């Protein structure tokens, strides 16, 4: 009966290694599916990190402009916080969306 089984499958270590490898790939705590999930999450976090680093550079640039340029600071205050000078009147115009 052993002669019918190919010689490579009669190897004791191969018979032990195959189930072990299958166990590690599919059922172990750190299996292949979990690895790919973590890799996907890592890539998403890397993209978020790049986005926030770009945003941080923009904010720092705006901050330095506001600290150094009085006209820029005044424009920002008028646009963002609707501030005005004492002798000015402020009108807020809200555009309505077309109703169809």
Protein backbone atom coordinates (compact mmCIF):
# COMPACT_ATOMS: atom_id res chain seq x y z
CA UNK A 1 0.00 0.00 0.00
CA UNK A 2 2.85 2.42 0.74
CA UNK A 3 4.23 1.78 -2.72
CA UNK A 4 1.11 3.32 -4.30
CA UNK A 5 1.68 6.64 -2.46
CA UNK A 6 4.24 8.86 -4.21
CA UNK A 7 7.58 9.06 -2.46
CA UNK A 8 7.34 12.78 -1.74
CA UNK A 9 4.09 12.27 0.22
CA UNK A 10 5.63 9.55 2.37
CA UNK A 11 8.01 12.09 3.91
CA UNK A 12 7.09 12.53 7.59
CA UNK A 13 8.14 16.18 7.76
CA UNK A 14 6.15 17.09 4.66
CA UNK A 15 3.07 15.45 6.17
CA UNK A 16 3.48 17.60 9.27
CA UNK A 17 4.39 20.79 7.39
CA UNK A 18 1.34 20.87 5.09
CA UNK A 19 -1.30 21.03 7.86
CA UNK A 20 0.86 23.45 9.83
CA UNK A 21 1.16 25.84 6.88
CA UNK A 22 -2.58 25.64 6.23
CA UNK A 23 -3.24 26.35 9.89
CA UNK A 24 -0.95 29.37 9.90
CA UNK A 25 -2.44 30.77 6.70
CA UNK A 26 -6.13 30.39 7.58
CA UNK A 27 -6.69 29.79 11.29
CA UNK A 28 -3.86 31.27 13.35
CA UNK A 29 -4.24 34.50 15.28
CA UNK A 30 -2.16 36.42 12.73
CA UNK A 31 -3.47 34.82 9.56
CA UNK A 32 -3.24 35.91 5.95
CA UNK A 33 -6.68 37.57 5.87
CA UNK A 34 -5.83 39.62 8.95
CA UNK A 35 -2.55 40.64 7.39
CA UNK A 36 -4.30 42.02 4.31
CA UNK A 37 -6.85 43.86 6.45
CA UNK A 38 -4.05 45.50 8.40
CA UNK A 39 -2.20 46.36 5.21
CA UNK A 40 -5.32 48.04 3.80
CA UNK A 41 -5.88 49.99 7.01
CA UNK A 42 -2.21 51.04 7.05
CA UNK A 43 -2.49 52.39 3.50
CA UNK A 44 -5.63 54.34 4.42
CA UNK A 45 -3.90 55.85 7.43
CA UNK A 46 -0.91 56.82 5.27
CA UNK A 47 -3.26 58.69 2.92
CA UNK A 48 -4.85 60.48 5.87
CA UNK A 49 -1.43 61.41 7.17
CA UNK A 50 -0.44 62.93 3.81
CA UNK A 51 -3.72 64.87 3.67
CA UNK A 52 -3.28 66.31 7.17
CA UNK A 53 0.35 67.20 6.52
CA UNK A 54 -0.72 69.17 3.42
CA UNK A 55 -3.48 70.88 5.40
CA UNK A 56 -1.00 71.75 8.15
CA UNK A 57 1.31 73.39 5.61
CA UNK A 58 -1.61 75.46 4.26
CA UNK A 59 -2.64 76.57 7.74
CA UNK A 60 0.90 77.51 8.69
CA UNK A 61 1.24 79.52 5.48
CA UNK A 62 -2.03 81.34 6.19
CA UNK A 63 -0.97 81.95 9.77
CA UNK A 64 2.31 83.56 8.76
CA UNK A 65 0.47 85.72 6.23
CA UNK A 66 -2.01 86.86 8.88
CA UNK A 67 0.74 87.64 11.37
CA UNK A 68 2.82 89.66 8.92
CA UNK A 69 0.28 91.45 6.68
CA UNK A 70 -2.25 93.82 8.27
CA UNK A 71 -4.34 94.03 5.10
CA UNK A 72 -4.57 90.25 4.93
CA UNK A 73 -5.64 90.12 8.58
CA UNK A 74 -8.35 92.72 7.98
CA UNK A 75 -9.63 90.89 4.91
CA UNK A 76 -9.74 87.61 6.83
CA UNK A 77 -11.63 89.18 9.74
CA UNK A 78 -14.16 90.76 7.39
CA UNK A 79 -14.77 87.55 5.44
CA UNK A 80 -14.69 85.01 8.24
CA UNK A 81 -16.20 86.89 11.17
CA UNK A 82 -18.17 89.60 9.28
CA UNK A 83 -16.42 92.41 11.11
CA UNK A 84 -16.74 95.98 9.94
CA UNK A 85 -15.45 99.44 10.63
CA UNK A 86 -17.60 101.83 12.68
CA UNK A 87 -18.62 103.97 9.71
CA UNK A 88 -19.52 101.01 7.47
CA UNK A 89 -22.77 99.10 7.04
CA UNK A 90 -22.69 95.37 6.50
CA UNK A 91 -25.14 93.68 4.14
CA UNK A 92 -25.32 89.91 3.91
CA UNK A 93 -26.71 88.63 0.63
CA UNK A 94 -27.94 85.06 0.58
CA UNK A 95 -28.52 83.55 -2.83
CA UNK A 96 -31.55 81.28 -3.04
CA UNK A 97 -31.35 78.08 -4.99
CA UNK A 98 -33.53 77.76 -8.07
CA UNK A 99 -36.67 75.81 -7.23
CA UNK A 100 -37.79 73.65 -10.11
